[in-house]
N, C-alpha and C. Protein backbone atom coordinates (compact mmCIF):
# COMPACT_ATOMS: atom_id res chain seq x y z
N UNK A 1 -101.57 -40.48 313.44
CA UNK A 1 -100.48 -41.27 313.88
C UNK A 1 -99.53 -40.99 312.67
N UNK A 2 -98.37 -40.87 312.84
CA UNK A 2 -97.34 -40.27 312.04
C UNK A 2 -96.25 -41.68 312.17
N UNK A 3 -96.09 -42.53 311.05
CA UNK A 3 -95.06 -43.63 311.17
C UNK A 3 -93.71 -43.38 310.22
N UNK A 4 -92.49 -43.05 311.00
CA UNK A 4 -91.52 -43.06 310.22
C UNK A 4 -90.45 -44.28 310.09
N UNK A 5 -89.99 -44.51 309.02
CA UNK A 5 -89.37 -45.68 308.68
C UNK A 5 -88.31 -45.36 307.71
N UNK A 6 -87.26 -46.15 307.61
CA UNK A 6 -85.99 -45.89 306.54
C UNK A 6 -85.73 -46.97 305.67
N UNK A 7 -84.91 -46.69 304.45
CA UNK A 7 -84.29 -47.47 303.73
C UNK A 7 -83.16 -47.05 303.39
N UNK A 8 -81.93 -48.12 303.68
CA UNK A 8 -80.53 -47.60 303.47
C UNK A 8 -80.20 -48.49 302.16
N UNK A 9 -79.41 -47.82 300.91
CA UNK A 9 -79.09 -48.86 300.17
C UNK A 9 -77.94 -49.17 300.42
N UNK A 10 -77.64 -50.42 299.99
CA UNK A 10 -76.41 -51.28 300.19
C UNK A 10 -75.78 -51.71 298.89
N UNK A 11 -75.87 -51.09 298.07
CA UNK A 11 -75.05 -51.43 296.65
C UNK A 11 -76.11 -52.18 295.80
N UNK A 12 -75.68 -52.00 294.41
CA UNK A 12 -76.49 -52.40 293.49
C UNK A 12 -78.20 -52.21 293.47
N UNK A 13 -79.13 -52.92 293.55
CA UNK A 13 -80.53 -52.46 293.87
C UNK A 13 -81.12 -52.98 295.27
N UNK A 14 -80.11 -53.18 296.02
CA UNK A 14 -80.54 -53.58 297.43
C UNK A 14 -80.66 -52.56 298.36
N UNK A 15 -81.62 -52.56 299.14
CA UNK A 15 -81.88 -51.71 300.26
C UNK A 15 -82.34 -52.67 301.56
N UNK A 16 -81.74 -52.01 302.83
CA UNK A 16 -82.15 -52.73 304.06
C UNK A 16 -83.06 -51.51 304.52
N UNK A 17 -84.16 -51.92 304.92
CA UNK A 17 -85.43 -51.31 305.32
C UNK A 17 -85.73 -51.56 306.96
N UNK A 18 -85.72 -50.27 307.72
CA UNK A 18 -85.86 -50.55 309.19
C UNK A 18 -87.18 -49.86 309.42
N UNK A 19 -88.09 -50.56 309.89
CA UNK A 19 -89.68 -50.21 310.52
C UNK A 19 -89.76 -49.25 311.70
N UNK A 20 -90.47 -48.67 312.03
CA UNK A 20 -90.58 -48.06 313.06
C UNK A 20 -90.49 -48.89 314.53
N UNK A 21 -90.64 -50.14 314.24
CA UNK A 21 -90.96 -51.14 315.48
C UNK A 21 -89.37 -51.73 315.58
N UNK A 22 -88.64 -51.51 314.68
CA UNK A 22 -87.08 -52.15 314.53
C UNK A 22 -86.89 -53.37 313.87
N UNK A 23 -87.82 -53.80 313.34
CA UNK A 23 -87.75 -54.66 312.14
C UNK A 23 -87.03 -54.41 311.02
N UNK A 24 -86.30 -55.40 310.49
CA UNK A 24 -85.64 -54.92 309.25
C UNK A 24 -85.89 -56.14 307.96
N UNK A 25 -86.20 -55.59 306.93
CA UNK A 25 -86.43 -56.27 305.77
C UNK A 25 -85.50 -55.71 304.55
N UNK A 26 -85.03 -56.83 303.68
CA UNK A 26 -84.29 -56.33 302.68
C UNK A 26 -85.13 -56.71 301.29
N UNK A 27 -84.86 -55.61 300.22
CA UNK A 27 -85.50 -55.65 299.26
C UNK A 27 -84.37 -55.59 298.13
N UNK A 28 -84.69 -56.09 297.00
CA UNK A 28 -83.87 -56.11 295.57
C UNK A 28 -84.62 -56.04 294.46
N UNK A 29 -83.98 -55.99 293.58
CA UNK A 29 -84.60 -55.85 292.07
C UNK A 29 -84.66 -57.04 291.57
N UNK A 30 -85.30 -57.59 290.33
CA UNK A 30 -85.01 -58.96 289.78
C UNK A 30 -83.63 -58.57 289.06
N UNK A 31 -82.90 -59.53 288.55
CA UNK A 31 -81.86 -59.62 287.75
C UNK A 31 -81.96 -58.98 286.52
N UNK A 32 -83.14 -59.24 285.82
CA UNK A 32 -83.26 -58.21 284.52
C UNK A 32 -83.48 -56.78 284.74
N UNK A 33 -83.79 -56.54 285.81
CA UNK A 33 -83.91 -55.01 286.20
C UNK A 33 -82.55 -54.49 286.86
N UNK A 34 -81.60 -55.43 286.85
CA UNK A 34 -80.23 -54.79 287.43
C UNK A 34 -79.91 -55.06 288.87
N UNK A 35 -80.79 -55.79 289.46
CA UNK A 35 -80.47 -56.32 290.54
C UNK A 35 -79.97 -57.96 290.93
N UNK A 36 -79.67 -58.23 292.17
CA UNK A 36 -79.07 -59.52 292.03
C UNK A 36 -80.21 -60.59 292.41
N UNK A 37 -81.44 -60.20 292.61
CA UNK A 37 -82.57 -61.39 292.72
C UNK A 37 -82.47 -61.88 293.70
N UNK A 38 -81.95 -61.36 294.86
CA UNK A 38 -81.56 -62.13 295.97
C UNK A 38 -82.49 -61.91 297.44
N UNK A 39 -83.86 -61.04 296.91
CA UNK A 39 -84.51 -60.77 297.97
C UNK A 39 -86.01 -60.45 297.23
N UNK A 40 -87.18 -60.08 297.99
CA UNK A 40 -88.19 -59.64 297.56
C UNK A 40 -88.09 -58.35 296.84
N UNK A 41 -89.01 -58.02 295.92
CA UNK A 41 -89.01 -56.48 295.48
C UNK A 41 -90.04 -55.77 296.32
N UNK A 42 -89.90 -54.62 296.24
CA UNK A 42 -90.79 -53.72 296.91
C UNK A 42 -92.10 -54.15 296.43
N UNK A 43 -92.81 -54.20 295.21
CA UNK A 43 -93.99 -54.33 294.87
C UNK A 43 -94.56 -55.94 295.40
N UNK A 44 -93.61 -56.67 295.47
CA UNK A 44 -93.93 -58.32 296.16
C UNK A 44 -94.30 -57.97 297.64
N UNK A 45 -93.57 -56.89 298.19
CA UNK A 45 -93.93 -56.82 299.64
C UNK A 45 -95.28 -56.38 299.49
N UNK A 46 -95.79 -55.30 298.73
CA UNK A 46 -97.19 -55.09 298.82
C UNK A 46 -98.10 -56.09 299.04
N UNK A 47 -97.74 -57.08 298.01
CA UNK A 47 -98.78 -58.42 298.21
C UNK A 47 -98.56 -59.02 299.58
N UNK A 48 -97.28 -59.10 299.92
CA UNK A 48 -96.93 -59.72 301.19
C UNK A 48 -97.77 -59.17 302.32
N UNK A 49 -97.81 -57.83 302.35
CA UNK A 49 -98.44 -56.97 303.34
C UNK A 49 -100.12 -57.14 303.11
N UNK A 50 -100.75 -57.12 302.12
CA UNK A 50 -102.25 -57.74 301.89
C UNK A 50 -102.56 -59.04 302.43
N UNK A 51 -101.66 -59.98 301.93
CA UNK A 51 -102.25 -61.22 302.43
C UNK A 51 -101.67 -61.42 304.11
N UNK A 52 -100.77 -60.82 304.63
CA UNK A 52 -100.54 -60.61 305.97
C UNK A 52 -101.70 -60.07 306.59
N UNK A 53 -102.12 -59.11 305.86
CA UNK A 53 -103.13 -58.22 306.72
C UNK A 53 -104.67 -59.00 306.69
N UNK A 54 -105.12 -59.47 305.57
CA UNK A 54 -106.06 -60.15 305.76
C UNK A 54 -106.10 -61.40 306.33
N UNK A 55 -104.86 -62.08 306.45
CA UNK A 55 -104.62 -63.39 307.19
C UNK A 55 -104.90 -63.13 308.61
N UNK A 56 -104.23 -62.12 309.16
CA UNK A 56 -104.44 -61.79 310.84
C UNK A 56 -106.01 -61.49 311.11
N UNK A 57 -106.71 -60.61 309.80
CA UNK A 57 -108.18 -60.33 310.35
C UNK A 57 -108.72 -61.53 310.28
N UNK A 58 -108.50 -62.37 309.29
CA UNK A 58 -109.65 -63.49 309.24
C UNK A 58 -109.54 -64.51 310.22
N UNK A 59 -107.99 -64.88 310.57
CA UNK A 59 -108.03 -65.53 311.87
C UNK A 59 -108.49 -65.08 313.14
N UNK A 60 -108.24 -63.96 313.20
CA UNK A 60 -108.74 -63.37 314.62
C UNK A 60 -110.29 -63.29 314.64
N UNK A 61 -110.84 -62.91 313.56
CA UNK A 61 -112.52 -63.10 313.48
C UNK A 61 -113.03 -64.48 313.49
N UNK A 62 -112.32 -65.11 313.12
CA UNK A 62 -112.84 -66.58 313.40
C UNK A 62 -112.67 -67.12 314.80
N UNK A 63 -111.56 -66.91 315.38
CA UNK A 63 -111.35 -67.36 316.74
C UNK A 63 -112.37 -66.72 317.64
N UNK A 64 -112.69 -65.24 317.46
CA UNK A 64 -113.78 -64.45 317.85
C UNK A 64 -114.91 -65.43 317.85
N UNK A 65 -115.27 -65.90 316.66
CA UNK A 65 -116.58 -66.38 316.29
C UNK A 65 -116.50 -68.03 316.85
N UNK A 66 -115.49 -68.27 317.78
CA UNK A 66 -115.33 -69.66 318.42
C UNK A 66 -115.41 -70.69 317.13
N UNK A 67 -114.71 -70.45 316.44
CA UNK A 67 -114.49 -71.49 315.12
C UNK A 67 -113.10 -71.85 315.44
N UNK A 68 -113.38 -73.32 315.29
CA UNK A 68 -112.03 -74.07 315.81
C UNK A 68 -110.98 -74.36 314.48
N UNK A 69 -110.50 -72.94 314.10
CA UNK A 69 -109.42 -73.16 313.09
C UNK A 69 -108.07 -73.45 313.46
N UNK A 70 -107.80 -74.65 312.61
CA UNK A 70 -106.41 -75.23 313.01
C UNK A 70 -105.12 -74.67 312.11
N UNK A 71 -105.70 -74.04 310.98
CA UNK A 71 -104.55 -73.86 309.83
C UNK A 71 -105.19 -72.78 308.93
N UNK A 72 -104.28 -71.82 308.47
CA UNK A 72 -104.72 -70.83 307.28
C UNK A 72 -103.56 -70.72 306.47
N UNK A 73 -103.83 -70.77 305.20
CA UNK A 73 -102.66 -70.34 304.22
C UNK A 73 -103.55 -69.31 303.29
N UNK A 74 -102.84 -68.24 303.23
CA UNK A 74 -103.41 -67.13 302.20
C UNK A 74 -102.60 -67.13 301.06
N UNK A 75 -103.18 -67.41 299.71
CA UNK A 75 -102.46 -67.28 298.51
C UNK A 75 -102.84 -66.00 297.60
N UNK A 76 -102.12 -65.45 296.69
CA UNK A 76 -102.22 -64.29 296.10
C UNK A 76 -101.94 -64.27 294.41
N UNK A 77 -102.85 -63.87 293.62
CA UNK A 77 -102.37 -64.00 292.30
C UNK A 77 -102.63 -62.88 291.57
N UNK A 78 -101.25 -61.90 291.02
CA UNK A 78 -101.88 -60.52 290.79
C UNK A 78 -101.43 -60.22 289.31
N UNK A 79 -102.07 -59.24 288.79
CA UNK A 79 -101.72 -58.84 287.56
C UNK A 79 -101.42 -57.30 287.71
N UNK A 80 -100.34 -56.73 286.77
CA UNK A 80 -99.83 -55.54 286.74
C UNK A 80 -99.82 -54.89 285.69
N UNK A 81 -100.23 -53.56 285.45
CA UNK A 81 -100.27 -52.83 284.28
C UNK A 81 -99.14 -52.92 283.55
N UNK A 82 -98.98 -52.77 282.26
CA UNK A 82 -97.90 -53.00 281.34
C UNK A 82 -97.30 -51.39 281.28
N UNK A 83 -98.04 -50.41 281.42
CA UNK A 83 -97.57 -49.12 281.61
C UNK A 83 -97.11 -48.63 282.81
N UNK A 84 -96.48 -47.46 283.04
CA UNK A 84 -95.78 -46.91 284.27
C UNK A 84 -96.74 -45.90 284.64
N UNK A 85 -97.11 -45.88 285.98
CA UNK A 85 -96.81 -46.85 286.87
C UNK A 85 -97.43 -48.10 286.74
N UNK A 86 -96.79 -49.12 286.82
CA UNK A 86 -97.14 -50.61 287.05
C UNK A 86 -97.89 -51.15 287.98
N UNK A 87 -98.91 -50.24 288.22
CA UNK A 87 -99.85 -50.74 289.55
C UNK A 87 -100.39 -52.15 289.45
N UNK A 88 -100.63 -52.90 290.43
CA UNK A 88 -101.52 -53.89 290.44
C UNK A 88 -102.85 -53.56 289.77
N UNK A 89 -103.49 -54.21 288.97
CA UNK A 89 -104.80 -54.08 288.27
C UNK A 89 -106.01 -55.11 288.66
N UNK A 90 -105.25 -56.29 289.04
CA UNK A 90 -106.32 -57.43 289.60
C UNK A 90 -105.53 -58.38 290.37
N UNK A 91 -106.16 -58.43 291.63
CA UNK A 91 -105.75 -59.31 292.50
C UNK A 91 -106.56 -60.43 293.02
N UNK A 92 -106.16 -61.47 292.87
CA UNK A 92 -107.10 -62.62 293.53
C UNK A 92 -106.55 -63.46 294.86
N UNK A 93 -107.15 -63.27 295.68
CA UNK A 93 -106.74 -64.03 297.04
C UNK A 93 -107.46 -65.32 297.50
N UNK A 94 -106.77 -66.16 297.63
CA UNK A 94 -107.23 -67.73 298.01
C UNK A 94 -107.01 -67.85 299.52
N UNK A 95 -108.00 -68.32 299.94
CA UNK A 95 -107.58 -68.77 301.68
C UNK A 95 -107.96 -70.10 301.67
N UNK A 96 -107.26 -70.74 302.16
CA UNK A 96 -107.04 -72.24 302.67
C UNK A 96 -107.13 -72.48 303.95
N UNK A 97 -108.45 -72.80 304.62
CA UNK A 97 -108.52 -72.87 305.92
C UNK A 97 -108.50 -74.51 306.25
N UNK A 98 -108.13 -74.81 307.59
CA UNK A 98 -108.25 -76.12 307.84
C UNK A 98 -109.01 -76.07 309.28
N UNK A 99 -109.93 -76.91 309.22
CA UNK A 99 -110.85 -77.24 310.46
C UNK A 99 -112.32 -77.35 310.25
N UNK A 100 -113.04 -77.71 311.29
CA UNK A 100 -114.47 -77.93 311.46
C UNK A 100 -115.16 -76.51 311.62
N UNK A 101 -115.15 -75.83 310.29
CA UNK A 101 -115.48 -74.39 310.05
C UNK A 101 -116.94 -74.24 309.60
N UNK A 102 -117.66 -73.26 309.90
CA UNK A 102 -118.89 -73.06 309.29
C UNK A 102 -118.77 -71.92 308.31
N UNK A 103 -119.12 -72.63 307.03
CA UNK A 103 -118.72 -71.80 305.62
C UNK A 103 -119.34 -70.60 305.70
N UNK A 104 -120.62 -70.14 306.37
CA UNK A 104 -121.21 -69.03 306.37
C UNK A 104 -120.34 -67.95 307.32
N UNK A 105 -119.55 -68.59 308.34
CA UNK A 105 -118.69 -67.93 309.10
C UNK A 105 -117.53 -67.40 308.45
N UNK A 106 -117.07 -68.16 307.86
CA UNK A 106 -115.79 -68.11 306.75
C UNK A 106 -115.89 -67.18 305.75
N UNK A 107 -117.05 -66.91 305.18
CA UNK A 107 -117.67 -65.91 304.30
C UNK A 107 -117.58 -64.56 304.92
N UNK A 108 -118.27 -64.56 305.89
CA UNK A 108 -118.39 -63.41 306.86
C UNK A 108 -117.15 -62.70 307.29
N UNK A 109 -116.06 -63.70 307.81
CA UNK A 109 -115.00 -63.27 308.40
C UNK A 109 -114.08 -62.69 307.15
N UNK A 110 -114.12 -63.30 305.74
CA UNK A 110 -113.27 -62.57 304.94
C UNK A 110 -114.15 -61.47 304.21
N UNK A 111 -115.21 -61.19 304.16
CA UNK A 111 -115.94 -60.15 303.91
C UNK A 111 -115.42 -59.02 304.85
N UNK A 112 -115.68 -59.07 306.18
CA UNK A 112 -115.39 -57.97 306.92
C UNK A 112 -113.91 -57.86 306.80
N UNK A 113 -112.90 -58.55 306.47
CA UNK A 113 -111.70 -58.27 306.50
C UNK A 113 -111.35 -57.51 305.20
N UNK A 114 -111.98 -57.85 303.93
CA UNK A 114 -111.97 -56.90 302.65
C UNK A 114 -112.64 -55.71 302.86
N UNK A 115 -113.90 -55.56 303.63
CA UNK A 115 -114.46 -54.34 303.21
C UNK A 115 -114.33 -53.40 304.55
N UNK A 116 -113.78 -53.87 305.80
CA UNK A 116 -113.92 -52.96 306.83
C UNK A 116 -112.39 -53.02 307.40
N UNK A 117 -111.58 -53.92 307.84
CA UNK A 117 -110.70 -53.97 308.49
C UNK A 117 -109.25 -54.05 307.60
N UNK A 118 -109.03 -54.67 306.71
CA UNK A 118 -107.68 -54.74 306.11
C UNK A 118 -107.41 -53.28 305.34
N UNK A 119 -106.44 -52.66 306.02
CA UNK A 119 -106.11 -51.35 305.32
C UNK A 119 -105.37 -51.57 303.99
N UNK A 120 -104.79 -52.57 303.91
CA UNK A 120 -104.00 -52.94 302.60
C UNK A 120 -104.86 -53.29 301.69
N UNK A 121 -105.87 -53.84 301.94
CA UNK A 121 -107.00 -54.13 300.75
C UNK A 121 -107.63 -52.79 300.41
N UNK A 122 -108.09 -52.11 301.36
CA UNK A 122 -108.44 -50.55 301.31
C UNK A 122 -107.77 -49.73 300.22
N UNK A 123 -106.25 -49.98 300.52
CA UNK A 123 -105.45 -49.08 299.48
C UNK A 123 -105.13 -49.58 298.36
N UNK A 124 -104.94 -51.03 298.15
CA UNK A 124 -104.69 -51.84 296.97
C UNK A 124 -105.98 -51.72 295.96
N UNK A 125 -107.16 -51.73 296.60
CA UNK A 125 -108.50 -51.50 296.12
C UNK A 125 -108.83 -50.44 295.31
N UNK A 126 -108.10 -49.40 295.27
CA UNK A 126 -108.21 -48.02 294.74
C UNK A 126 -107.43 -48.29 293.13
N UNK A 127 -106.60 -49.28 292.87
CA UNK A 127 -106.22 -49.38 291.48
C UNK A 127 -106.47 -50.70 291.07
N UNK A 128 -106.77 -51.73 292.00
CA UNK A 128 -106.89 -53.29 291.67
C UNK A 128 -108.31 -53.66 292.06
N UNK A 129 -108.86 -54.67 291.00
CA UNK A 129 -110.15 -55.26 291.36
C UNK A 129 -109.51 -56.60 292.08
N UNK A 130 -110.15 -56.54 293.49
CA UNK A 130 -109.54 -57.62 294.19
C UNK A 130 -110.81 -58.73 294.37
N UNK A 131 -110.53 -59.81 294.12
CA UNK A 131 -111.60 -61.00 294.01
C UNK A 131 -110.98 -61.98 295.32
N UNK A 132 -111.77 -62.86 295.63
CA UNK A 132 -111.40 -64.09 296.38
C UNK A 132 -112.25 -65.26 296.40
N UNK A 133 -111.59 -66.33 297.01
CA UNK A 133 -112.15 -67.62 296.92
C UNK A 133 -111.70 -68.25 298.28
N UNK A 134 -112.15 -69.28 298.90
CA UNK A 134 -111.75 -69.98 300.02
C UNK A 134 -112.08 -71.41 299.94
N UNK A 135 -111.24 -72.44 300.35
CA UNK A 135 -111.34 -73.80 300.63
C UNK A 135 -111.47 -74.08 302.06
N UNK A 136 -112.41 -74.98 302.28
CA UNK A 136 -112.11 -75.52 303.75
C UNK A 136 -111.59 -76.94 303.63
N UNK A 137 -110.78 -77.44 304.29
CA UNK A 137 -110.07 -78.65 304.54
C UNK A 137 -110.47 -79.22 305.79
N UNK A 138 -110.80 -80.45 305.78
CA UNK A 138 -111.21 -81.26 306.99
C UNK A 138 -110.16 -81.00 308.25
N UNK A 139 -110.75 -81.33 309.41
CA UNK A 139 -110.01 -80.97 310.46
C UNK A 139 -108.78 -82.21 310.56
N UNK A 140 -107.40 -81.68 311.01
CA UNK A 140 -106.58 -83.02 311.24
C UNK A 140 -107.12 -84.07 312.09
N UNK A 141 -106.75 -85.39 311.69
CA UNK A 141 -107.34 -86.28 312.55
C UNK A 141 -106.63 -86.09 313.90
N UNK A 142 -107.33 -86.46 314.82
CA UNK A 142 -106.87 -86.88 316.40
C UNK A 142 -106.03 -87.90 316.35
N UNK A 143 -104.95 -88.15 316.93
CA UNK A 143 -104.09 -89.20 317.01
C UNK A 143 -104.07 -89.26 318.74
N UNK A 144 -103.95 -90.47 319.13
CA UNK A 144 -103.72 -90.73 320.57
C UNK A 144 -103.69 -91.74 321.19
């Protein structure tokens, strides 16, 4: 499948990106690189893609496993090369899950995402070592 997208320069270092599905995203460079610093950088969007991709995988896998997932937050910390091209060399993903979840099933869902389903992880894993950890928070109290 061929995917066609575009990016239109709007001045300075800002671009409006249009996806093949019609969505728009704005990127900019940091102030120290000549941008206005008013939008995410393209490299930041790569990390957003990673945590969004694995988040979708983990939540859908856990729900298929009949796990009572109440909330999921995915955080990332990454290191980049000092030399050009300044690729990501180390990425650590933290999953913060809420619910009465089986720890073994959470581990399995994360493993399946990172090893099989998440295309962003597969691509970034070509240049970066990707590690992870997770925390399970107790279910929200039932009020009523």
